[in-house]
PDB file of N, CA and C in Angstrom:
ATOM      1  N   MET A   1     138.602  93.201  66.493  1.00  0.00           N
ATOM      2  CA  MET A   1     138.923  91.897  65.943  1.00  0.00           C
ATOM      3  C   MET A   1     140.439  91.806  65.794  1.00  0.00           C
ATOM      4  N   THR A   2     141.005  90.677  66.176  1.00  0.00           N
ATOM      5  CA  THR A   2     142.432  90.446  66.017  1.00  0.00           C
ATOM      6  C   THR A   2     142.630  89.262  65.081  1.00  0.00           C
ATOM      7  N   ILE A   3     143.459  89.470  64.050  1.00  0.00           N
ATOM      8  CA  ILE A   3     143.636  88.499  62.978  1.00  0.00           C
ATOM      9  C   ILE A   3     145.069  87.997  62.977  1.00  0.00           C
ATOM     10  N   LEU A   4     145.234  86.695  62.836  1.00  0.00           N
ATOM     11  CA  LEU A   4     146.549  86.072  62.741  1.00  0.00           C
ATOM     12  C   LEU A   4     146.748  85.541  61.331  1.00  0.00           C
ATOM     13  N   PHE A   5     147.866  85.936  60.707  1.00  0.00           N
ATOM     14  CA  PHE A   5     148.234  85.401  59.389  1.00  0.00           C
ATOM     15  C   PHE A   5     149.133  84.198  59.581  1.00  0.00           C
ATOM     16  N   ASP A   6     148.756  83.078  59.017  1.00  0.00           N
ATOM     17  CA  ASP A   6     149.571  81.867  59.033  1.00  0.00           C
ATOM     18  C   ASP A   6     150.835  82.103  58.206  1.00  0.00           C
ATOM     19  N   GLU A   7     151.812  81.236  58.348  1.00  0.00           N
ATOM     20  CA  GLU A   7     153.107  81.385  57.672  1.00  0.00           C
ATOM     21  C   GLU A   7     153.015  81.529  56.158  1.00  0.00           C
ATOM     22  N   GLY A   8     152.134  80.807  55.516  1.00  0.00           N
ATOM     23  CA  GLY A   8     152.073  80.823  54.058  1.00  0.00           C
ATOM     24  C   GLY A   8     151.374  82.022  53.443  1.00  0.00           C
ATOM     25  N   VAL A   9     150.824  82.886  54.269  1.00  0.00           N
ATOM     26  CA  VAL A   9     150.092  84.050  53.762  1.00  0.00           C
ATOM     27  C   VAL A   9     151.084  85.189  53.501  1.00  0.00           C
ATOM     28  N   PRO A  10     151.124  85.715  52.281  1.00  0.00           N
ATOM     29  CA  PRO A  10     152.058  86.796  51.973  1.00  0.00           C
ATOM     30  C   PRO A  10     151.838  88.024  52.863  1.00  0.00           C
ATOM     31  N   ARG A  11     152.926  88.575  53.362  1.00  0.00           N
ATOM     32  CA  ARG A  11     152.888  89.743  54.251  1.00  0.00           C
ATOM     33  C   ARG A  11     152.173  90.931  53.619  1.00  0.00           C
ATOM     34  N   GLN A  12     152.319  91.084  52.307  1.00  0.00           N
ATOM     35  CA  GLN A  12     151.746  92.252  51.635  1.00  0.00           C
ATOM     36  C   GLN A  12     150.233  92.307  51.768  1.00  0.00           C
ATOM     37  N   LEU A  13     149.595  91.175  52.055  1.00  0.00           N
ATOM     38  CA  LEU A  13     148.142  91.166  52.193  1.00  0.00           C
ATOM     39  C   LEU A  13     147.704  92.056  53.357  1.00  0.00           C
ATOM     40  N   ARG A  14     148.514  92.150  54.384  1.00  0.00           N
ATOM     41  CA  ARG A  14     148.170  93.020  55.519  1.00  0.00           C
ATOM     42  C   ARG A  14     148.021  94.466  55.037  1.00  0.00           C
ATOM     43  N   ARG A  15     148.976  94.931  54.254  1.00  0.00           N
ATOM     44  CA  ARG A  15     148.917  96.297  53.721  1.00  0.00           C
ATOM     45  C   ARG A  15     147.730  96.461  52.775  1.00  0.00           C
ATOM     46  N   LEU A  16     147.515  95.460  51.922  1.00  0.00           N
ATOM     47  CA  LEU A  16     146.412  95.533  50.955  1.00  0.00           C
ATOM     48  C   LEU A  16     145.054  95.604  51.637  1.00  0.00           C
ATOM     49  N   LEU A  17     144.920  94.904  52.765  1.00  0.00           N
ATOM     50  CA  LEU A  17     143.652  94.925  53.500  1.00  0.00           C
ATOM     51  C   LEU A  17     143.477  96.233  54.275  1.00  0.00           C
ATOM     52  N   GLY A  18     144.581  96.940  54.522  1.00  0.00           N
ATOM     53  CA  GLY A  18     144.501  98.237  55.201  1.00  0.00           C
ATOM     54  C   GLY A  18     144.012  98.132  56.634  1.00  0.00           C
ATOM     55  N   ARG A  19     144.422  97.084  57.315  1.00  0.00           N
ATOM     56  CA  ARG A  19     143.977  96.867  58.696  1.00  0.00           C
ATOM     57  C   ARG A  19     145.184  96.924  59.619  1.00  0.00           C
ATOM     58  N   ASP A  20     144.962  97.395  60.830  1.00  0.00           N
ATOM     59  CA  ASP A  20     146.053  97.426  61.802  1.00  0.00           C
ATOM     60  C   ASP A  20     145.876  96.370  62.893  1.00  0.00           C
ATOM     61  N   ASP A  21     144.937  95.463  62.693  1.00  0.00           N
ATOM     62  CA  ASP A  21     144.669  94.425  63.686  1.00  0.00           C
ATOM     63  C   ASP A  21     145.179  93.052  63.232  1.00  0.00           C
ATOM     64  N   ILE A  22     146.171  93.038  62.328  1.00  0.00           N
ATOM     65  CA  ILE A  22     146.712  91.796  61.775  1.00  0.00           C
ATOM     66  C   ILE A  22     148.110  91.563  62.327  1.00  0.00           C
ATOM     67  N   ILE A  23     148.336  90.368  62.824  1.00  0.00           N
ATOM     68  CA  ILE A  23     149.636  89.954  63.361  1.00  0.00           C
ATOM     69  C   ILE A  23     150.112  88.760  62.546  1.00  0.00           C
ATOM     70  N   LEU A  24     151.391  88.745  62.211  1.00  0.00           N
ATOM     71  CA  LEU A  24     151.977  87.616  61.493  1.00  0.00           C
ATOM     72  C   LEU A  24     152.471  86.575  62.489  1.00  0.00           C
ATOM     73  N   VAL A  25     152.397  85.298  62.108  1.00  0.00           N
ATOM     74  CA  VAL A  25     152.894  84.211  62.954  1.00  0.00           C
ATOM     75  C   VAL A  25     154.338  84.498  63.369  1.00  0.00           C
ATOM     76  N   ASP A  26     155.145  84.981  62.430  1.00  0.00           N
ATOM     77  CA  ASP A  26     156.555  85.296  62.712  1.00  0.00           C
ATOM     78  C   ASP A  26     156.686  86.323  63.842  1.00  0.00           C
ATOM     79  N   GLU A  27     155.789  87.304  63.858  1.00  0.00           N
ATOM     80  CA  GLU A  27     155.853  88.369  64.859  1.00  0.00           C
ATOM     81  C   GLU A  27     155.557  87.854  66.264  1.00  0.00           C
ATOM     82  N   ARG A  28     154.832  86.759  66.352  1.00  0.00           N
ATOM     83  CA  ARG A  28     154.529  86.146  67.653  1.00  0.00           C
ATOM     84  C   ARG A  28     155.593  85.144  68.076  1.00  0.00           C
ATOM     85  N   GLY A  29     156.525  84.853  67.162  1.00  0.00           N
ATOM     86  CA  GLY A  29     157.548  83.846  67.461  1.00  0.00           C
ATOM     87  C   GLY A  29     157.027  82.432  67.304  1.00  0.00           C
ATOM     88  N   TRP A  30     155.979  82.274  66.505  1.00  0.00           N
ATOM     89  CA  TRP A  30     155.334  80.970  66.338  1.00  0.00           C
ATOM     90  C   TRP A  30     155.689  80.293  65.023  1.00  0.00           C
ATOM     91  N   LYS A  31     156.700  80.792  64.335  1.00  0.00           N
ATOM     92  CA  LYS A  31     157.091  80.209  63.057  1.00  0.00           C
ATOM     93  C   LYS A  31     157.464  78.736  63.256  1.00  0.00           C
ATOM     94  N   GLY A  32     156.958  77.871  62.363  1.00  0.00           N
ATOM     95  CA  GLY A  32     157.255  76.452  62.425  1.00  0.00           C
ATOM     96  C   GLY A  32     156.317  75.651  63.307  1.00  0.00           C
ATOM     97  N   ILE A  33     155.414  76.315  64.018  1.00  0.00           N
ATOM     98  CA  ILE A  33     154.467  75.593  64.878  1.00  0.00           C
ATOM     99  C   ILE A  33     153.376  74.983  64.001  1.00  0.00           C
ATOM    100  N   LYS A  34     153.103  73.722  64.217  1.00  0.00           N
ATOM    101  CA  LYS A  34     152.118  73.000  63.404  1.00  0.00           C
ATOM    102  C   LYS A  34     150.701  73.479  63.701  1.00  0.00           C
ATOM    103  N   ASN A  35     149.795  73.202  62.764  1.00  0.00           N
ATOM    104  CA  ASN A  35     148.444  73.760  62.807  1.00  0.00           C
ATOM    105  C   ASN A  35     147.663  73.498  64.092  1.00  0.00           C
ATOM    106  N   GLY A  36     147.685  72.294  64.608  1.00  0.00           N
ATOM    107  CA  GLY A  36     146.924  72.000  65.823  1.00  0.00           C
ATOM    108  C   GLY A  36     147.360  72.873  66.983  1.00  0.00           C
ATOM    109  N   MET A  37     148.657  72.936  67.206  1.00  0.00           N
ATOM    110  CA  MET A  37     149.207  73.764  68.277  1.00  0.00           C
ATOM    111  C   MET A  37     149.004  75.246  67.978  1.00  0.00           C
ATOM    112  N   LEU A  38     149.142  75.624  66.709  1.00  0.00           N
ATOM    113  CA  LEU A  38     148.948  77.018  66.319  1.00  0.00           C
ATOM    114  C   LEU A  38     147.515  77.471  66.612  1.00  0.00           C
ATOM    115  N   LEU A  39     146.541  76.646  66.275  1.00  0.00           N
ATOM    116  CA  LEU A  39     145.145  76.986  66.557  1.00  0.00           C
ATOM    117  C   LEU A  39     144.925  77.155  68.056  1.00  0.00           C
ATOM    118  N   GLN A  40     145.506  76.266  68.837  1.00  0.00           N
ATOM    119  CA  GLN A  40     145.368  76.339  70.292  1.00  0.00           C
ATOM    120  C   GLN A  40     146.009  77.614  70.837  1.00  0.00           C
ATOM    121  N   LEU A  41     147.235  77.900  70.413  1.00  0.00           N
ATOM    122  CA  LEU A  41     147.924  79.113  70.861  1.00  0.00           C
ATOM    123  C   LEU A  41     147.153  80.372  70.452  1.00  0.00           C
ATOM    124  N   ALA A  42     146.655  80.383  69.229  1.00  0.00           N
ATOM    125  CA  ALA A  42     145.913  81.541  68.737  1.00  0.00           C
ATOM    126  C   ALA A  42     144.653  81.779  69.573  1.00  0.00           C
ATOM    127  N   GLU A  43     143.926  80.713  69.860  1.00  0.00           N
ATOM    128  CA  GLU A  43     142.722  80.853  70.686  1.00  0.00           C
ATOM    129  C   GLU A  43     143.071  81.322  72.091  1.00  0.00           C
ATOM    130  N   GLU A  44     144.088  80.717  72.680  1.00  0.00           N
ATOM    131  CA  GLU A  44     144.494  81.093  74.040  1.00  0.00           C
ATOM    132  C   GLU A  44     144.984  82.536  74.104  1.00  0.00           C
ATOM    133  N   SER A  45     145.521  83.040  73.003  1.00  0.00           N
ATOM    134  CA  SER A  45     146.043  84.406  72.951  1.00  0.00           C
ATOM    135  C   SER A  45     144.988  85.426  72.545  1.00  0.00           C
ATOM    136  N   GLY A  46     143.765  84.968  72.309  1.00  0.00           N
ATOM    137  CA  GLY A  46     142.661  85.882  72.031  1.00  0.00           C
ATOM    138  C   GLY A  46     142.481  86.294  70.585  1.00  0.00           C
ATOM    139  N   PHE A  47     143.109  85.585  69.663  1.00  0.00           N
ATOM    140  CA  PHE A  47     142.889  85.897  68.253  1.00  0.00           C
ATOM    141  C   PHE A  47     141.473  85.496  67.862  1.00  0.00           C
ATOM    142  N   ASP A  48     140.861  86.308  67.023  1.00  0.00           N
ATOM    143  CA  ASP A  48     139.497  86.040  66.560  1.00  0.00           C
ATOM    144  C   ASP A  48     139.477  85.268  65.251  1.00  0.00           C
ATOM    145  N   VAL A  49     140.480  85.522  64.385  1.00  0.00           N
ATOM    146  CA  VAL A  49     140.493  84.936  63.039  1.00  0.00           C
ATOM    147  C   VAL A  49     141.904  84.469  62.693  1.00  0.00           C
ATOM    148  N   LEU A  50     141.992  83.309  62.067  1.00  0.00           N
ATOM    149  CA  LEU A  50     143.236  82.834  61.461  1.00  0.00           C
ATOM    150  C   LEU A  50     143.028  82.848  59.958  1.00  0.00           C
ATOM    151  N   ILE A  51     143.925  83.534  59.249  1.00  0.00           N
ATOM    152  CA  ILE A  51     143.892  83.500  57.790  1.00  0.00           C
ATOM    153  C   ILE A  51     145.039  82.621  57.336  1.00  0.00           C
ATOM    154  N   THR A  52     144.728  81.619  56.524  1.00  0.00           N
ATOM    155  CA  THR A  52     145.710  80.643  56.090  1.00  0.00           C
ATOM    156  C   THR A  52     145.525  80.319  54.607  1.00  0.00           C
ATOM    157  N   ALA A  53     146.558  79.771  54.015  1.00  0.00           N
ATOM    158  CA  ALA A  53     146.459  79.276  52.638  1.00  0.00           C
ATOM    159  C   ALA A  53     146.494  77.752  52.637  1.00  0.00           C
ATOM    160  N   ASP A  54     146.417  77.145  53.812  1.00  0.00           N
ATOM    161  CA  ASP A  54     146.481  75.692  53.954  1.00  0.00           C
ATOM    162  C   ASP A  54     145.128  75.069  53.606  1.00  0.00           C
ATOM    163  N   GLN A  55     145.018  74.607  52.384  1.00  0.00           N
ATOM    164  CA  GLN A  55     143.770  74.012  51.884  1.00  0.00           C
ATOM    165  C   GLN A  55     143.386  72.722  52.616  1.00  0.00           C
ATOM    166  N   ASN A  56     144.343  72.084  53.257  1.00  0.00           N
ATOM    167  CA  ASN A  56     144.088  70.796  53.910  1.00  0.00           C
ATOM    168  C   ASN A  56     143.757  70.918  55.387  1.00  0.00           C
ATOM    169  N   LEU A  57     143.719  72.116  55.908  1.00  0.00           N
ATOM    170  CA  LEU A  57     143.492  72.316  57.338  1.00  0.00           C
ATOM    171  C   LEU A  57     142.250  71.587  57.839  1.00  0.00           C
ATOM    172  N   LYS A  58     141.165  71.677  57.098  1.00  0.00           N
ATOM    173  CA  LYS A  58     139.916  71.052  57.562  1.00  0.00           C
ATOM    174  C   LYS A  58     139.993  69.527  57.582  1.00  0.00           C
ATOM    175  N   TYR A  59     140.925  68.966  56.836  1.00  0.00           N
ATOM    176  CA  TYR A  59     141.103  67.517  56.823  1.00  0.00           C
ATOM    177  C   TYR A  59     142.106  67.064  57.875  1.00  0.00           C
ATOM    178  N   GLN A  60     143.006  67.955  58.261  1.00  0.00           N
ATOM    179  CA  GLN A  60     144.074  67.607  59.195  1.00  0.00           C
ATOM    180  C   GLN A  60     143.715  67.881  60.649  1.00  0.00           C
ATOM    181  N   GLN A  61     142.780  68.790  60.871  1.00  0.00           N
ATOM    182  CA  GLN A  61     142.439  69.206  62.232  1.00  0.00           C
ATOM    183  C   GLN A  61     140.948  69.063  62.488  1.00  0.00           C
ATOM    184  N   ASN A  62     140.622  68.746  63.720  1.00  0.00           N
ATOM    185  CA  ASN A  62     139.224  68.737  64.138  1.00  0.00           C
ATOM    186  C   ASN A  62     138.867  70.183  64.482  1.00  0.00           C
ATOM    187  N   LEU A  63     138.051  70.805  63.667  1.00  0.00           N
ATOM    188  CA  LEU A  63     137.712  72.217  63.844  1.00  0.00           C
ATOM    189  C   LEU A  63     136.429  72.414  64.654  1.00  0.00           C
ATOM    190  N   LYS A  64     135.774  71.333  64.966  1.00  0.00           N
ATOM    191  CA  LYS A  64     134.521  71.405  65.724  1.00  0.00           C
ATOM    192  C   LYS A  64     134.785  71.976  67.123  1.00  0.00           C
ATOM    193  N   GLY A  65     133.982  72.938  67.507  1.00  0.00           N
ATOM    194  CA  GLY A  65     134.089  73.528  68.828  1.00  0.00           C
ATOM    195  C   GLY A  65     135.160  74.604  68.964  1.00  0.00           C
ATOM    196  N   ARG A  66     135.798  74.969  67.878  1.00  0.00           N
ATOM    197  CA  ARG A  66     136.821  76.016  67.919  1.00  0.00           C
ATOM    198  C   ARG A  66     136.166  77.381  68.120  1.00  0.00           C
ATOM    199  N   LYS A  67     136.849  78.240  68.863  1.00  0.00           N
ATOM    200  CA  LYS A  67     136.380  79.614  69.052  1.00  0.00           C
ATOM    201  C   LYS A  67     136.888  80.515  67.924  1.00  0.00           C
ATOM    202  N   ILE A  68     138.067  80.216  67.421  1.00  0.00           N
ATOM    203  CA  ILE A  68     138.679  81.047  66.395  1.00  0.00           C
ATOM    204  C   ILE A  68     138.026  80.770  65.041  1.00  0.00           C
ATOM    205  N   ALA A  69     137.777  81.820  64.297  1.00  0.00           N
ATOM    206  CA  ALA A  69     137.258  81.672  62.931  1.00  0.00           C
ATOM    207  C   ALA A  69     138.450  81.450  62.007  1.00  0.00           C
ATOM    208  N   ILE A  70     138.222  80.704  60.931  1.00  0.00           N
ATOM    209  CA  ILE A  70     139.289  80.379  59.990  1.00  0.00           C
ATOM    210  C   ILE A  70     138.873  80.798  58.592  1.00  0.00           C
ATOM    211  N   VAL A  71     139.773  81.534  57.926  1.00  0.00           N
ATOM    212  CA  VAL A  71     139.565  81.956  56.546  1.00  0.00           C
ATOM    213  C   VAL A  71     140.671  81.306  55.721  1.00  0.00           C
ATOM    214  N   VAL A  72     140.275  80.524  54.716  1.00  0.00           N
ATOM    215  CA  VAL A  72     141.248  79.815  53.882  1.00  0.00           C
ATOM    216  C   VAL A  72     141.307  80.477  52.508  1.00  0.00           C
ATOM    217  N   LEU A  73     142.515  80.870  52.131  1.00  0.00           N
ATOM    218  CA  LEU A  73     142.732  81.492  50.828  1.00  0.00           C
ATOM    219  C   LEU A  73     142.884  80.420  49.758  1.00  0.00           C
ATOM    220  N   PRO A  74     142.513  80.717  48.510  1.00  0.00           N
ATOM    221  CA  PRO A  74     142.607  79.708  47.445  1.00  0.00           C
ATOM    222  C   PRO A  74     144.039  79.503  46.944  1.00  0.00           C
ATOM    223  N   TYR A  75     144.925  80.408  47.293  1.00  0.00           N
ATOM    224  CA  TYR A  75     146.328  80.318  46.888  1.00  0.00           C
ATOM    225  C   TYR A  75     147.125  81.298  47.738  1.00  0.00           C
ATOM    226  N   ASN A  76     148.462  81.263  47.609  1.00  0.00           N
ATOM    227  CA  ASN A  76     149.296  82.210  48.347  1.00  0.00           C
ATOM    228  C   ASN A  76     150.277  82.956  47.438  1.00  0.00           C
ATOM    229  N   ARG A  77     149.889  83.139  46.198  1.00  0.00           N
ATOM    230  CA  ARG A  77     150.730  83.863  45.237  1.00  0.00           C
ATOM    231  C   ARG A  77     150.662  85.371  45.512  1.00  0.00           C
ATOM    232  N   ARG A  78     151.823  85.945  45.805  1.00  0.00           N
ATOM    233  CA  ARG A  78     151.879  87.375  46.144  1.00  0.00           C
ATOM    234  C   ARG A  78     151.266  88.259  45.071  1.00  0.00           C
ATOM    235  N   LYS A  79     151.615  88.015  43.830  1.00  0.00           N
ATOM    236  CA  LYS A  79     151.146  88.909  42.764  1.00  0.00           C
ATOM    237  C   LYS A  79     149.629  88.864  42.571  1.00  0.00           C
ATOM    238  N   SER A  80     148.990  87.810  43.046  1.00  0.00           N
ATOM    239  CA  SER A  80     147.537  87.671  42.886  1.00  0.00           C
ATOM    240  C   SER A  80     146.750  88.062  44.129  1.00  0.00           C
ATOM    241  N   MET A  81     147.415  88.464  45.182  1.00  0.00           N
ATOM    242  CA  MET A  81     146.728  88.830  46.423  1.00  0.00           C
ATOM    243  C   MET A  81     145.716  89.964  46.236  1.00  0.00           C
ATOM    244  N   PRO A  82     146.014  90.990  45.418  1.00  0.00           N
ATOM    245  CA  PRO A  82     145.022  92.067  45.276  1.00  0.00           C
ATOM    246  C   PRO A  82     143.650  91.575  44.802  1.00  0.00           C
ATOM    247  N   LEU A  83     143.619  90.491  44.061  1.00  0.00           N
ATOM    248  CA  LEU A  83     142.337  89.956  43.581  1.00  0.00           C
ATOM    249  C   LEU A  83     141.478  89.402  44.717  1.00  0.00           C
ATOM    250  N   LEU A  84     142.105  89.022  45.812  1.00  0.00           N
ATOM    251  CA  LEU A  84     141.375  88.429  46.937  1.00  0.00           C
ATOM    252  C   LEU A  84     140.853  89.453  47.939  1.00  0.00           C
ATOM    253  N   VAL A  85     141.396  90.651  47.911  1.00  0.00           N
ATOM    254  CA  VAL A  85     141.075  91.653  48.926  1.00  0.00           C
ATOM    255  C   VAL A  85     139.574  91.916  49.079  1.00  0.00           C
ATOM    256  N   PRO A  86     138.815  92.129  47.998  1.00  0.00           N
ATOM    257  CA  PRO A  86     137.372  92.377  48.191  1.00  0.00           C
ATOM    258  C   PRO A  86     136.656  91.226  48.908  1.00  0.00           C
ATOM    259  N   SER A  87     136.964  89.998  48.535  1.00  0.00           N
ATOM    260  CA  SER A  87     136.308  88.839  49.162  1.00  0.00           C
ATOM    261  C   SER A  87     136.702  88.703  50.625  1.00  0.00           C
ATOM    262  N   ILE A  88     137.983  88.859  50.912  1.00  0.00           N
ATOM    263  CA  ILE A  88     138.444  88.739  52.300  1.00  0.00           C
ATOM    264  C   ILE A  88     137.813  89.836  53.159  1.00  0.00           C
ATOM    265  N   SER A  89     137.805  91.056  52.652  1.00  0.00           N
ATOM    266  CA  SER A  89     137.228  92.171  53.407  1.00  0.00           C
ATOM    267  C   SER A  89     135.762  91.927  53.724  1.00  0.00           C
ATOM    268  N   GLU A  90     135.029  91.420  52.763  1.00  0.00           N
ATOM    269  CA  GLU A  90     133.608  91.129  52.973  1.00  0.00           C
ATOM    270  C   GLU A  90     133.410  90.028  54.012  1.00  0.00           C
ATOM    271  N   VAL A  91     134.207  88.982  53.921  1.00  0.00           N
ATOM    272  CA  VAL A  91     134.127  87.882  54.893  1.00  0.00           C
ATOM    273  C   VAL A  91     134.434  88.391  56.294  1.00  0.00           C
ATOM    274  N   LEU A  92     135.460  89.222  56.439  1.00  0.00           N
ATOM    275  CA  LEU A  92     135.845  89.715  57.760  1.00  0.00           C
ATOM    276  C   LEU A  92     134.764  90.597  58.385  1.00  0.00           C
ATOM    277  N   LYS A  93     133.936  91.240  57.587  1.00  0.00           N
ATOM    278  CA  LYS A  93     132.831  92.047  58.113  1.00  0.00           C
ATOM    279  C   LYS A  93     131.757  91.172  58.765  1.00  0.00           C
ATOM    280  N   GLN A  94     131.629  89.933  58.285  1.00  0.00           N
ATOM    281  CA  GLN A  94     130.510  89.093  58.690  1.00  0.00           C
ATOM    282  C   GLN A  94     130.886  87.888  59.552  1.00  0.00           C
ATOM    283  N   ILE A  95     132.159  87.556  59.612  1.00  0.00           N
ATOM    284  CA  ILE A  95     132.580  86.304  60.231  1.00  0.00           C
ATOM    285  C   ILE A  95     132.354  86.304  61.737  1.00  0.00           C
ATOM    286  N   GLY A  96     132.014  85.140  62.259  1.00  0.00           N
ATOM    287  CA  GLY A  96     131.794  85.001  63.687  1.00  0.00           C
ATOM    288  C   GLY A  96     132.656  83.899  64.271  1.00  0.00           C
ATOM    289  N   PRO A  97     132.647  83.764  65.580  1.00  0.00           N
ATOM    290  CA  PRO A  97     133.468  82.759  66.256  1.00  0.00           C
ATOM    291  C   PRO A  97     133.205  81.346  65.713  1.00  0.00           C
ATOM    292  N   GLY A  98     134.284  80.626  65.480  1.00  0.00           N
ATOM    293  CA  GLY A  98     134.189  79.239  65.042  1.00  0.00           C
ATOM    294  C   GLY A  98     133.857  79.031  63.579  1.00  0.00           C
ATOM    295  N   ALA A  99     133.658  80.106  62.833  1.00  0.00           N
ATOM    296  CA  ALA A  99     133.296  79.969  61.411  1.00  0.00           C
ATOM    297  C   ALA A  99     134.490  79.445  60.612  1.00  0.00           C
ATOM    298  N   TYR A 100     134.177  78.785  59.513  1.00  0.00           N
ATOM    299  CA  TYR A 100     135.193  78.293  58.578  1.00  0.00           C
ATOM    300  C   TYR A 100     134.761  78.739  57.192  1.00  0.00           C
ATOM    301  N   VAL A 101     135.589  79.572  56.530  1.00  0.00           N
ATOM    302  CA  VAL A 101     135.220  80.122  55.227  1.00  0.00           C
ATOM    303  C   VAL A 101     136.374  79.909  54.257  1.00  0.00           C
ATOM    304  N   GLU A 102     136.060  79.360  53.107  1.00  0.00           N
ATOM    305  CA  GLU A 102     137.035  79.238  52.029  1.00  0.00           C
ATOM    306  C   GLU A 102     136.756  80.333  51.003  1.00  0.00           C
ATOM    307  N   ILE A 103     137.744  81.182  50.779  1.00  0.00           N
ATOM    308  CA  ILE A 103     137.606  82.248  49.791  1.00  0.00           C
ATOM    309  C   ILE A 103     137.680  81.604  48.415  1.00  0.00           C
ATOM    310  N   PRO A 104     136.724  81.878  47.534  1.00  0.00           N
ATOM    311  CA  PRO A 104     136.774  81.282  46.195  1.00  0.00           C
ATOM    312  C   PRO A 104     137.843  81.937  45.324  1.00  0.00           C
ATOM    313  N   ARG A 105     138.301  81.182  44.357  1.00  0.00           N
ATOM    314  CA  ARG A 105     139.264  81.686  43.380  1.00  0.00           C
ATOM    315  C   ARG A 105     138.537  82.738  42.522  1.00  0.00           C
ATOM    316  N   PRO A 106     139.138  83.923  42.361  1.00  0.00           N
ATOM    317  CA  PRO A 106     138.488  84.980  41.577  1.00  0.00           C
ATOM    318  C   PRO A 106     138.298  84.577  40.113  1.00  0.00           C
ATOM    319  N   ALA A 107     137.249  85.084  39.502  1.00  0.00           N
ATOM    320  CA  ALA A 107     136.945  84.768  38.104  1.00  0.00           C
ATOM    321  C   ALA A 107     137.994  85.329  37.149  1.00  0.00           C
ATOM    322  N   GLN A 108     138.691  86.405  37.553  1.00  0.00           N
ATOM    323  CA  GLN A 108     139.682  87.049  36.682  1.00  0.00           C
ATOM    324  C   GLN A 108     140.897  86.171  36.414  1.00  0.00           C
ATOM    325  N   MET A 109     141.056  85.120  37.146  1.00  0.00           N
ATOM    326  CA  MET A 109     142.265  84.296  37.004  1.00  0.00           C
ATOM    327  C   MET A 109     142.183  83.391  35.809  1.00  0.00           C
TER     328      MET A 109
END
């Protein structure tokens, strides 16, 4: 599985998830590319999952028929990322092509 982190996702989440299959948008040279084009580029480049903190993505883009799965974080606060790790890890074990999953805000907050 190859995962792409959108611009708003804190870099430290990659380390917290302990995965080596995560690429940052910046590392691909895609910084500043808008969501529609980003989704297209990600799919064409073979990414399986996009992780984003953009809560409005489902309203701004037509996600029907997409091959890439999308995971939406409830926030992008660096200090709170460790609280999301269990939920994200569980979702990544089960997610399939074209899925759209919103990670819920942890109860500890």
